[in-house]
Amino acid sequence: MRKTGKKTERSTGRLPSEGLPFDWMDARIPDGILDRNADRRFAMHEEDVRVRASLLHRLGRPRDYALHRCLGNQEWAFDLYGECPLSKDEIRTLVRAAFDR
């Protein structure tokens, strides 16, 4: 006996992401929470750059390479969603401090 019924996504040839909402794809964080944690988020990004620059220094990479990587990582992280909370000058300062220790 042949089954009949609803067409599935597979049978229609559509990709699952076409026209189907997935709540987990778009984080909707209330502004109050973003404002309350702004200092912590900023400190987290500073620490990320500081740790990454220190690691590259311990691996023997040159300062220019570490700066390029840290700037690139921050640009990539915020490529689609907003602006990086750290300016390029702040990232340069953090990398310089990691290499001057």
PDB file of N, CA and C in Angstrom:
ATOM      1  N   MET A   1       0.844  -1.171   0.000  1.00  0.00           N
ATOM      2  CA  MET A   1       0.000   0.000   0.000  1.00  0.00           C
ATOM      3  C   MET A   1       0.899   1.248   0.000  1.00  0.00           C
ATOM      4  N   ARG A   2       0.534   2.190  -0.776  1.00  0.00           N
ATOM      5  CA  ARG A   2       1.292   3.417  -0.925  1.00  0.00           C
ATOM      6  C   ARG A   2       0.846   4.434   0.123  1.00  0.00           C
ATOM      7  N   LYS A   3       1.847   5.061   0.788  1.00  0.00           N
ATOM      8  CA  LYS A   3       1.520   6.057   1.807  1.00  0.00           C
ATOM      9  C   LYS A   3       1.266   7.405   1.153  1.00  0.00           C
ATOM     10  N   THR A   4       0.273   8.076   1.600  1.00  0.00           N
ATOM     11  CA  THR A   4       0.004   9.441   1.157  1.00  0.00           C
ATOM     12  C   THR A   4      -0.108  10.314   2.390  1.00  0.00           C
ATOM     13  N   GLY A   5       0.132  11.559   2.225  1.00  0.00           N
ATOM     14  CA  GLY A   5       0.036  12.464   3.366  1.00  0.00           C
ATOM     15  C   GLY A   5       0.760  13.756   3.072  1.00  0.00           C
ATOM     16  N   LYS A   6       1.146  14.413   4.120  1.00  0.00           N
ATOM     17  CA  LYS A   6       1.829  15.681   3.975  1.00  0.00           C
ATOM     18  C   LYS A   6       3.185  15.498   3.321  1.00  0.00           C
ATOM     19  N   LYS A   7       3.558  16.499   2.549  1.00  0.00           N
ATOM     20  CA  LYS A   7       4.896  16.486   1.972  1.00  0.00           C
ATOM     21  C   LYS A   7       5.873  16.958   3.029  1.00  0.00           C
ATOM     22  N   THR A   8       6.960  16.270   3.148  1.00  0.00           N
ATOM     23  CA  THR A   8       7.979  16.667   4.115  1.00  0.00           C
ATOM     24  C   THR A   8       8.942  17.619   3.455  1.00  0.00           C
ATOM     25  N   GLU A   9       9.811  18.210   4.278  1.00  0.00           N
ATOM     26  CA  GLU A   9      10.831  19.116   3.751  1.00  0.00           C
ATOM     27  C   GLU A   9      11.727  18.385   2.765  1.00  0.00           C
ATOM     28  N   ARG A  10      12.002  17.130   3.084  1.00  0.00           N
ATOM     29  CA  ARG A  10      12.880  16.351   2.217  1.00  0.00           C
ATOM     30  C   ARG A  10      12.228  16.122   0.854  1.00  0.00           C
ATOM     31  N   SER A  11      10.946  15.866   0.858  1.00  0.00           N
ATOM     32  CA  SER A  11      10.289  15.591  -0.412  1.00  0.00           C
ATOM     33  C   SER A  11      10.046  16.846  -1.236  1.00  0.00           C
ATOM     34  N   THR A  12      10.000  18.005  -0.594  1.00  0.00           N
ATOM     35  CA  THR A  12       9.765  19.242  -1.342  1.00  0.00           C
ATOM     36  C   THR A  12      11.048  19.821  -1.905  1.00  0.00           C
ATOM     37  N   GLY A  13      12.196  19.354  -1.424  1.00  0.00           N
ATOM     38  CA  GLY A  13      13.464  19.856  -1.926  1.00  0.00           C
ATOM     39  C   GLY A  13      13.899  21.166  -1.300  1.00  0.00           C
ATOM     40  N   ARG A  14      13.158  21.645  -0.303  1.00  0.00           N
ATOM     41  CA  ARG A  14      13.533  22.891   0.370  1.00  0.00           C
ATOM     42  C   ARG A  14      14.586  22.614   1.428  1.00  0.00           C
ATOM     43  N   LEU A  15      15.402  23.606   1.645  1.00  0.00           N
ATOM     44  CA  LEU A  15      16.346  23.527   2.759  1.00  0.00           C
ATOM     45  C   LEU A  15      15.594  23.784   4.054  1.00  0.00           C
ATOM     46  N   PRO A  16      16.011  23.166   5.157  1.00  0.00           N
ATOM     47  CA  PRO A  16      15.306  23.392   6.420  1.00  0.00           C
ATOM     48  C   PRO A  16      15.283  24.842   6.853  1.00  0.00           C
ATOM     49  N   SER A  17      16.294  25.628   6.482  1.00  0.00           N
ATOM     50  CA  SER A  17      16.348  27.018   6.939  1.00  0.00           C
ATOM     51  C   SER A  17      15.474  27.952   6.115  1.00  0.00           C
ATOM     52  N   GLU A  18      14.928  27.476   5.034  1.00  0.00           N
ATOM     53  CA  GLU A  18      14.114  28.342   4.176  1.00  0.00           C
ATOM     54  C   GLU A  18      12.688  28.420   4.709  1.00  0.00           C
ATOM     55  N   GLY A  19      12.372  29.556   5.289  1.00  0.00           N
ATOM     56  CA  GLY A  19      11.007  29.787   5.707  1.00  0.00           C
ATOM     57  C   GLY A  19      10.613  29.140   7.021  1.00  0.00           C
ATOM     58  N   LEU A  20      11.534  28.535   7.710  1.00  0.00           N
ATOM     59  CA  LEU A  20      11.201  27.918   8.983  1.00  0.00           C
ATOM     60  C   LEU A  20      11.887  28.685  10.104  1.00  0.00           C
ATOM     61  N   PRO A  21      11.116  29.171  11.061  1.00  0.00           N
ATOM     62  CA  PRO A  21      11.733  29.940  12.142  1.00  0.00           C
ATOM     63  C   PRO A  21      12.396  29.034  13.170  1.00  0.00           C
ATOM     64  N   PHE A  22      13.575  29.403  13.570  1.00  0.00           N
ATOM     65  CA  PHE A  22      14.272  28.714  14.642  1.00  0.00           C
ATOM     66  C   PHE A  22      14.643  29.761  15.674  1.00  0.00           C
ATOM     67  N   ASP A  23      14.045  29.689  16.834  1.00  0.00           N
ATOM     68  CA  ASP A  23      14.279  30.688  17.874  1.00  0.00           C
ATOM     69  C   ASP A  23      15.733  30.754  18.302  1.00  0.00           C
ATOM     70  N   TRP A  24      16.416  29.640  18.257  1.00  0.00           N
ATOM     71  CA  TRP A  24      17.790  29.605  18.751  1.00  0.00           C
ATOM     72  C   TRP A  24      18.775  30.287  17.815  1.00  0.00           C
ATOM     73  N   MET A  25      18.363  30.634  16.605  1.00  0.00           N
ATOM     74  CA  MET A  25      19.285  31.266  15.661  1.00  0.00           C
ATOM     75  C   MET A  25      19.448  32.761  15.931  1.00  0.00           C
ATOM     76  N   ASP A  26      18.458  33.392  16.510  1.00  0.00           N
ATOM     77  CA  ASP A  26      18.507  34.828  16.790  1.00  0.00           C
ATOM     78  C   ASP A  26      18.281  35.042  18.277  1.00  0.00           C
ATOM     79  N   ALA A  27      19.350  35.370  18.978  1.00  0.00           N
ATOM     80  CA  ALA A  27      19.231  35.623  20.415  1.00  0.00           C
ATOM     81  C   ALA A  27      18.589  36.985  20.628  1.00  0.00           C
ATOM     82  N   ARG A  28      17.523  36.999  21.364  1.00  0.00           N
ATOM     83  CA  ARG A  28      16.861  38.262  21.695  1.00  0.00           C
ATOM     84  C   ARG A  28      17.108  38.539  23.180  1.00  0.00           C
ATOM     85  N   ILE A  29      18.141  39.316  23.442  1.00  0.00           N
ATOM     86  CA  ILE A  29      18.526  39.623  24.806  1.00  0.00           C
ATOM     87  C   ILE A  29      17.972  40.997  25.148  1.00  0.00           C
ATOM     88  N   PRO A  30      17.202  41.091  26.209  1.00  0.00           N
ATOM     89  CA  PRO A  30      16.634  42.400  26.579  1.00  0.00           C
ATOM     90  C   PRO A  30      17.721  43.434  26.834  1.00  0.00           C
ATOM     91  N   ASP A  31      17.422  44.679  26.472  1.00  0.00           N
ATOM     92  CA  ASP A  31      18.388  45.765  26.633  1.00  0.00           C
ATOM     93  C   ASP A  31      18.837  45.934  28.079  1.00  0.00           C
ATOM     94  N   GLY A  32      17.935  45.701  29.016  1.00  0.00           N
ATOM     95  CA  GLY A  32      18.293  45.832  30.424  1.00  0.00           C
ATOM     96  C   GLY A  32      19.406  44.887  30.833  1.00  0.00           C
ATOM     97  N   ILE A  33      19.389  43.694  30.310  1.00  0.00           N
ATOM     98  CA  ILE A  33      20.437  42.721  30.625  1.00  0.00           C
ATOM     99  C   ILE A  33      21.742  43.114  29.948  1.00  0.00           C
ATOM    100  N   LEU A  34      21.653  43.575  28.713  1.00  0.00           N
ATOM    101  CA  LEU A  34      22.867  44.016  28.021  1.00  0.00           C
ATOM    102  C   LEU A  34      23.512  45.191  28.742  1.00  0.00           C
ATOM    103  N   ASP A  35      22.693  46.140  29.196  1.00  0.00           N
ATOM    104  CA  ASP A  35      23.228  47.303  29.908  1.00  0.00           C
ATOM    105  C   ASP A  35      23.847  46.901  31.238  1.00  0.00           C
ATOM    106  N   ARG A  36      23.180  45.983  31.947  1.00  0.00           N
ATOM    107  CA  ARG A  36      23.647  45.578  33.264  1.00  0.00           C
ATOM    108  C   ARG A  36      24.988  44.856  33.185  1.00  0.00           C
ATOM    109  N   ASN A  37      25.222  44.132  32.116  1.00  0.00           N
ATOM    110  CA  ASN A  37      26.440  43.339  31.975  1.00  0.00           C
ATOM    111  C   ASN A  37      27.465  43.961  31.035  1.00  0.00           C
ATOM    112  N   ALA A  38      27.305  45.224  30.691  1.00  0.00           N
ATOM    113  CA  ALA A  38      28.201  45.863  29.725  1.00  0.00           C
ATOM    114  C   ALA A  38      29.646  45.869  30.215  1.00  0.00           C
ATOM    115  N   ASP A  39      29.863  46.173  31.480  1.00  0.00           N
ATOM    116  CA  ASP A  39      31.228  46.203  32.015  1.00  0.00           C
ATOM    117  C   ASP A  39      31.858  44.819  32.008  1.00  0.00           C
ATOM    118  N   ARG A  40      31.062  43.818  32.364  1.00  0.00           N
ATOM    119  CA  ARG A  40      31.583  42.448  32.372  1.00  0.00           C
ATOM    120  C   ARG A  40      31.910  41.969  30.953  1.00  0.00           C
ATOM    121  N   ARG A  41      31.064  42.334  30.002  1.00  0.00           N
ATOM    122  CA  ARG A  41      31.325  41.947  28.609  1.00  0.00           C
ATOM    123  C   ARG A  41      32.594  42.608  28.093  1.00  0.00           C
ATOM    124  N   PHE A  42      32.764  43.893  28.423  1.00  0.00           N
ATOM    125  CA  PHE A  42      33.956  44.620  28.003  1.00  0.00           C
ATOM    126  C   PHE A  42      35.206  43.972  28.603  1.00  0.00           C
ATOM    127  N   ALA A  43      35.144  43.636  29.894  1.00  0.00           N
ATOM    128  CA  ALA A  43      36.281  42.986  30.567  1.00  0.00           C
ATOM    129  C   ALA A  43      36.573  41.622  29.957  1.00  0.00           C
ATOM    130  N   MET A  44      35.536  40.910  29.543  1.00  0.00           N
ATOM    131  CA  MET A  44      35.721  39.601  28.918  1.00  0.00           C
ATOM    132  C   MET A  44      36.476  39.736  27.598  1.00  0.00           C
ATOM    133  N   HIS A  45      36.123  40.732  26.794  1.00  0.00           N
ATOM    134  CA  HIS A  45      36.809  40.934  25.514  1.00  0.00           C
ATOM    135  C   HIS A  45      38.250  41.401  25.726  1.00  0.00           C
ATOM    136  N   GLU A  46      38.454  42.239  26.731  1.00  0.00           N
ATOM    137  CA  GLU A  46      39.830  42.646  27.058  1.00  0.00           C
ATOM    138  C   GLU A  46      40.669  41.435  27.449  1.00  0.00           C
ATOM    139  N   GLU A  47      40.111  40.582  28.296  1.00  0.00           N
ATOM    140  CA  GLU A  47      40.830  39.392  28.749  1.00  0.00           C
ATOM    141  C   GLU A  47      41.126  38.447  27.579  1.00  0.00           C
ATOM    142  N   ASP A  48      40.192  38.321  26.669  1.00  0.00           N
ATOM    143  CA  ASP A  48      40.407  37.467  25.501  1.00  0.00           C
ATOM    144  C   ASP A  48      41.606  37.947  24.689  1.00  0.00           C
ATOM    145  N   VAL A  49      41.673  39.243  24.428  1.00  0.00           N
ATOM    146  CA  VAL A  49      42.794  39.799  23.665  1.00  0.00           C
ATOM    147  C   VAL A  49      44.091  39.644  24.453  1.00  0.00           C
ATOM    148  N   ARG A  50      44.041  39.917  25.742  1.00  0.00           N
ATOM    149  CA  ARG A  50      45.228  39.814  26.589  1.00  0.00           C
ATOM    150  C   ARG A  50      45.781  38.380  26.601  1.00  0.00           C
ATOM    151  N   VAL A  51      44.903  37.405  26.775  1.00  0.00           N
ATOM    152  CA  VAL A  51      45.319  35.999  26.821  1.00  0.00           C
ATOM    153  C   VAL A  51      45.844  35.539  25.467  1.00  0.00           C
ATOM    154  N   ARG A  52      45.161  35.924  24.404  1.00  0.00           N
ATOM    155  CA  ARG A  52      45.592  35.518  23.060  1.00  0.00           C
ATOM    156  C   ARG A  52      46.959  36.122  22.715  1.00  0.00           C
ATOM    157  N   ALA A  53      47.151  37.391  23.049  1.00  0.00           N
ATOM    158  CA  ALA A  53      48.440  38.040  22.775  1.00  0.00           C
ATOM    159  C   ALA A  53      49.553  37.401  23.603  1.00  0.00           C
ATOM    160  N   SER A  54      49.265  37.082  24.853  1.00  0.00           N
ATOM    161  CA  SER A  54      50.262  36.437  25.707  1.00  0.00           C
ATOM    162  C   SER A  54      50.636  35.061  25.175  1.00  0.00           C
ATOM    163  N   LEU A  55      49.654  34.333  24.720  1.00  0.00           N
ATOM    164  CA  LEU A  55      49.918  33.008  24.149  1.00  0.00           C
ATOM    165  C   LEU A  55      50.802  33.112  22.906  1.00  0.00           C
ATOM    166  N   LEU A  56      50.469  34.033  22.033  1.00  0.00           N
ATOM    167  CA  LEU A  56      51.271  34.193  20.824  1.00  0.00           C
ATOM    168  C   LEU A  56      52.693  34.648  21.165  1.00  0.00           C
ATOM    169  N   HIS A  57      52.834  35.454  22.195  1.00  0.00           N
ATOM    170  CA  HIS A  57      54.166  35.875  22.640  1.00  0.00           C
ATOM    171  C   HIS A  57      54.966  34.674  23.154  1.00  0.00           C
ATOM    172  N   ARG A  58      54.329  33.838  23.974  1.00  0.00           N
ATOM    173  CA  ARG A  58      55.013  32.650  24.490  1.00  0.00           C
ATOM    174  C   ARG A  58      55.353  31.655  23.386  1.00  0.00           C
ATOM    175  N   LEU A  59      54.580  31.662  22.319  1.00  0.00           N
ATOM    176  CA  LEU A  59      54.865  30.776  21.181  1.00  0.00           C
ATOM    177  C   LEU A  59      55.972  31.323  20.283  1.00  0.00           C
ATOM    178  N   GLY A  60      56.446  32.529  20.599  1.00  0.00           N
ATOM    179  CA  GLY A  60      57.550  33.112  19.843  1.00  0.00           C
ATOM    180  C   GLY A  60      57.133  33.867  18.599  1.00  0.00           C
ATOM    181  N   ARG A  61      55.866  34.199  18.490  1.00  0.00           N
ATOM    182  CA  ARG A  61      55.403  34.966  17.331  1.00  0.00           C
ATOM    183  C   ARG A  61      55.774  36.433  17.502  1.00  0.00           C
ATOM    184  N   PRO A  62      55.994  37.142  16.426  1.00  0.00           N
ATOM    185  CA  PRO A  62      56.314  38.576  16.535  1.00  0.00           C
ATOM    186  C   PRO A  62      55.086  39.399  16.953  1.00  0.00           C
ATOM    187  N   ARG A  63      55.354  40.578  17.473  1.00  0.00           N
ATOM    188  CA  ARG A  63      54.283  41.458  17.950  1.00  0.00           C
ATOM    189  C   ARG A  63      53.314  41.827  16.832  1.00  0.00           C
ATOM    190  N   ASP A  64      53.832  42.109  15.643  1.00  0.00           N
ATOM    191  CA  ASP A  64      52.954  42.481  14.526  1.00  0.00           C
ATOM    192  C   ASP A  64      51.988  41.352  14.169  1.00  0.00           C
ATOM    193  N   TYR A  65      52.477  40.115  14.216  1.00  0.00           N
ATOM    194  CA  TYR A  65      51.619  38.963  13.930  1.00  0.00           C
ATOM    195  C   TYR A  65      50.519  38.859  14.983  1.00  0.00           C
ATOM    196  N   ALA A  66      50.897  39.012  16.262  1.00  0.00           N
ATOM    197  CA  ALA A  66      49.910  38.925  17.343  1.00  0.00           C
ATOM    198  C   ALA A  66      48.860  40.024  17.208  1.00  0.00           C
ATOM    199  N   LEU A  67      49.295  41.222  16.875  1.00  0.00           N
ATOM    200  CA  LEU A  67      48.356  42.324  16.691  1.00  0.00           C
ATOM    201  C   LEU A  67      47.402  42.032  15.535  1.00  0.00           C
ATOM    202  N   HIS A  68      47.946  41.545  14.438  1.00  0.00           N
ATOM    203  CA  HIS A  68      47.122  41.199  13.277  1.00  0.00           C
ATOM    204  C   HIS A  68      46.085  40.138  13.640  1.00  0.00           C
ATOM    205  N   ARG A  69      46.503  39.112  14.374  1.00  0.00           N
ATOM    206  CA  ARG A  69      45.590  38.041  14.770  1.00  0.00           C
ATOM    207  C   ARG A  69      44.515  38.547  15.731  1.00  0.00           C
ATOM    208  N   CYS A  70      44.897  39.352  16.698  1.00  0.00           N
ATOM    209  CA  CYS A  70      43.931  39.850  17.674  1.00  0.00           C
ATOM    210  C   CYS A  70      42.917  40.798  17.024  1.00  0.00           C
ATOM    211  N   LEU A  71      43.397  41.665  16.154  1.00  0.00           N
ATOM    212  CA  LEU A  71      42.474  42.546  15.425  1.00  0.00           C
ATOM    213  C   LEU A  71      41.546  41.725  14.536  1.00  0.00           C
ATOM    214  N   GLY A  72      42.097  40.760  13.841  1.00  0.00           N
ATOM    215  CA  GLY A  72      41.295  39.913  12.954  1.00  0.00           C
ATOM    216  C   GLY A  72      40.255  39.102  13.700  1.00  0.00           C
ATOM    217  N   ASN A  73      40.630  38.574  14.860  1.00  0.00           N
ATOM    218  CA  ASN A  73      39.678  37.785  15.638  1.00  0.00           C
ATOM    219  C   ASN A  73      38.517  38.631  16.126  1.00  0.00           C
ATOM    220  N   GLN A  74      38.798  39.836  16.570  1.00  0.00           N
ATOM    221  CA  GLN A  74      37.722  40.718  17.024  1.00  0.00           C
ATOM    222  C   GLN A  74      36.829  41.150  15.860  1.00  0.00           C
ATOM    223  N   GLU A  75      37.429  41.441  14.713  1.00  0.00           N
ATOM    224  CA  GLU A  75      36.623  41.809  13.542  1.00  0.00           C
ATOM    225  C   GLU A  75      35.740  40.652  13.112  1.00  0.00           C
ATOM    226  N   TRP A  76      36.296  39.446  13.125  1.00  0.00           N
ATOM    227  CA  TRP A  76      35.524  38.265  12.729  1.00  0.00           C
ATOM    228  C   TRP A  76      34.392  38.008  13.704  1.00  0.00           C
ATOM    229  N   ALA A  77      34.660  38.160  14.990  1.00  0.00           N
ATOM    230  CA  ALA A  77      33.646  37.878  16.002  1.00  0.00           C
ATOM    231  C   ALA A  77      32.440  38.810  15.876  1.00  0.00           C
ATOM    232  N   PHE A  78      32.665  40.024  15.405  1.00  0.00           N
ATOM    233  CA  PHE A  78      31.578  40.995  15.316  1.00  0.00           C
ATOM    234  C   PHE A  78      31.228  41.338  13.878  1.00  0.00           C
ATOM    235  N   ASP A  79      31.625  40.491  12.957  1.00  0.00           N
ATOM    236  CA  ASP A  79      31.389  40.731  11.541  1.00  0.00           C
ATOM    237  C   ASP A  79      29.897  40.839  11.221  1.00  0.00           C
ATOM    238  N   LEU A  80      29.109  39.953  11.782  1.00  0.00           N
ATOM    239  CA  LEU A  80      27.686  39.932  11.462  1.00  0.00           C
ATOM    240  C   LEU A  80      26.822  40.676  12.468  1.00  0.00           C
ATOM    241  N   TYR A  81      27.265  40.727  13.718  1.00  0.00           N
ATOM    242  CA  TYR A  81      26.402  41.233  14.773  1.00  0.00           C
ATOM    243  C   TYR A  81      27.054  42.350  15.561  1.00  0.00           C
ATOM    244  N   GLY A  82      26.899  43.558  15.114  1.00  0.00           N
ATOM    245  CA  GLY A  82      27.318  44.703  15.898  1.00  0.00           C
ATOM    246  C   GLY A  82      28.786  45.077  15.774  1.00  0.00           C
ATOM    247  N   GLU A  83      29.171  45.961  16.659  1.00  0.00           N
ATOM    248  CA  GLU A  83      30.540  46.473  16.657  1.00  0.00           C
ATOM    249  C   GLU A  83      31.306  45.909  17.841  1.00  0.00           C
ATOM    250  N   CYS A  84      32.581  45.774  17.654  1.00  0.00           N
ATOM    251  CA  CYS A  84      33.455  45.303  18.716  1.00  0.00           C
ATOM    252  C   CYS A  84      33.491  46.351  19.826  1.00  0.00           C
ATOM    253  N   PRO A  85      33.350  45.944  21.078  1.00  0.00           N
ATOM    254  CA  PRO A  85      33.394  46.935  22.156  1.00  0.00           C
ATOM    255  C   PRO A  85      34.781  47.536  22.359  1.00  0.00           C
ATOM    256  N   LEU A  86      35.819  46.877  21.860  1.00  0.00           N
ATOM    257  CA  LEU A  86      37.184  47.400  21.974  1.00  0.00           C
ATOM    258  C   LEU A  86      37.555  48.136  20.691  1.00  0.00           C
ATOM    259  N   SER A  87      38.164  49.277  20.836  1.00  0.00           N
ATOM    260  CA  SER A  87      38.654  49.981  19.656  1.00  0.00           C
ATOM    261  C   SER A  87      39.980  49.358  19.214  1.00  0.00           C
ATOM    262  N   LYS A  88      40.396  49.691  18.025  1.00  0.00           N
ATOM    263  CA  LYS A  88      41.676  49.174  17.532  1.00  0.00           C
ATOM    264  C   LYS A  88      42.834  49.674  18.385  1.00  0.00           C
ATOM    265  N   ASP A  89      42.736  50.899  18.880  1.00  0.00           N
ATOM    266  CA  ASP A  89      43.784  51.435  19.752  1.00  0.00           C
ATOM    267  C   ASP A  89      43.852  50.669  21.069  1.00  0.00           C
ATOM    268  N   GLU A  90      42.697  50.312  21.607  1.00  0.00           N
ATOM    269  CA  GLU A  90      42.683  49.531  22.850  1.00  0.00           C
ATOM    270  C   GLU A  90      43.289  48.148  22.636  1.00  0.00           C
ATOM    271  N   ILE A  91      43.006  47.536  21.500  1.00  0.00           N
ATOM    272  CA  ILE A  91      43.585  46.225  21.193  1.00  0.00           C
ATOM    273  C   ILE A  91      45.093  46.354  21.030  1.00  0.00           C
ATOM    274  N   ARG A  92      45.547  47.408  20.351  1.00  0.00           N
ATOM    275  CA  ARG A  92      46.994  47.646  20.205  1.00  0.00           C
ATOM    276  C   ARG A  92      47.668  47.799  21.572  1.00  0.00           C
ATOM    277  N   THR A  93      47.022  48.529  22.467  1.00  0.00           N
ATOM    278  CA  THR A  93      47.569  48.735  23.805  1.00  0.00           C
ATOM    279  C   THR A  93      47.661  47.423  24.578  1.00  0.00           C
ATOM    280  N   LEU A  94      46.630  46.585  24.473  1.00  0.00           N
ATOM    281  CA  LEU A  94      46.637  45.299  25.175  1.00  0.00           C
ATOM    282  C   LEU A  94      47.724  44.375  24.632  1.00  0.00           C
ATOM    283  N   VAL A  95      47.892  44.353  23.315  1.00  0.00           N
ATOM    284  CA  VAL A  95      48.933  43.506  22.718  1.00  0.00           C
ATOM    285  C   VAL A  95      50.311  44.028  23.112  1.00  0.00           C
ATOM    286  N   ARG A  96      50.495  45.317  23.073  1.00  0.00           N
ATOM    287  CA  ARG A  96      51.784  45.907  23.454  1.00  0.00           C
ATOM    288  C   ARG A  96      52.112  45.557  24.914  1.00  0.00           C
ATOM    289  N   ALA A  97      51.113  45.650  25.795  1.00  0.00           N
ATOM    290  CA  ALA A  97      51.326  45.333  27.211  1.00  0.00           C
ATOM    291  C   ALA A  97      51.694  43.859  27.399  1.00  0.00           C
ATOM    292  N   ALA A  98      51.072  42.976  26.610  1.00  0.00           N
ATOM    293  CA  ALA A  98      51.377  41.547  26.727  1.00  0.00           C
ATOM    294  C   ALA A  98      52.813  41.258  26.297  1.00  0.00           C
ATOM    295  N   PHE A  99      53.297  41.984  25.314  1.00  0.00           N
ATOM    296  CA  PHE A  99      54.655  41.752  24.827  1.00  0.00           C
ATOM    297  C   PHE A  99      55.714  42.467  25.671  1.00  0.00           C
ATOM    298  N   ASP A 100      55.318  43.494  26.418  1.00  0.00           N
ATOM    299  CA  ASP A 100      56.282  44.234  27.223  1.00  0.00           C
ATOM    300  C   ASP A 100      56.521  43.607  28.591  1.00  0.00           C
ATOM    301  N   ARG A 101      55.769  42.601  28.939  1.00  0.00           N
ATOM    302  CA  ARG A 101      55.975  41.951  30.242  1.00  0.00           C
ATOM    303  C   ARG A 101      57.238  41.175  30.289  1.00  0.00           C
TER     304      ARG A 101
END
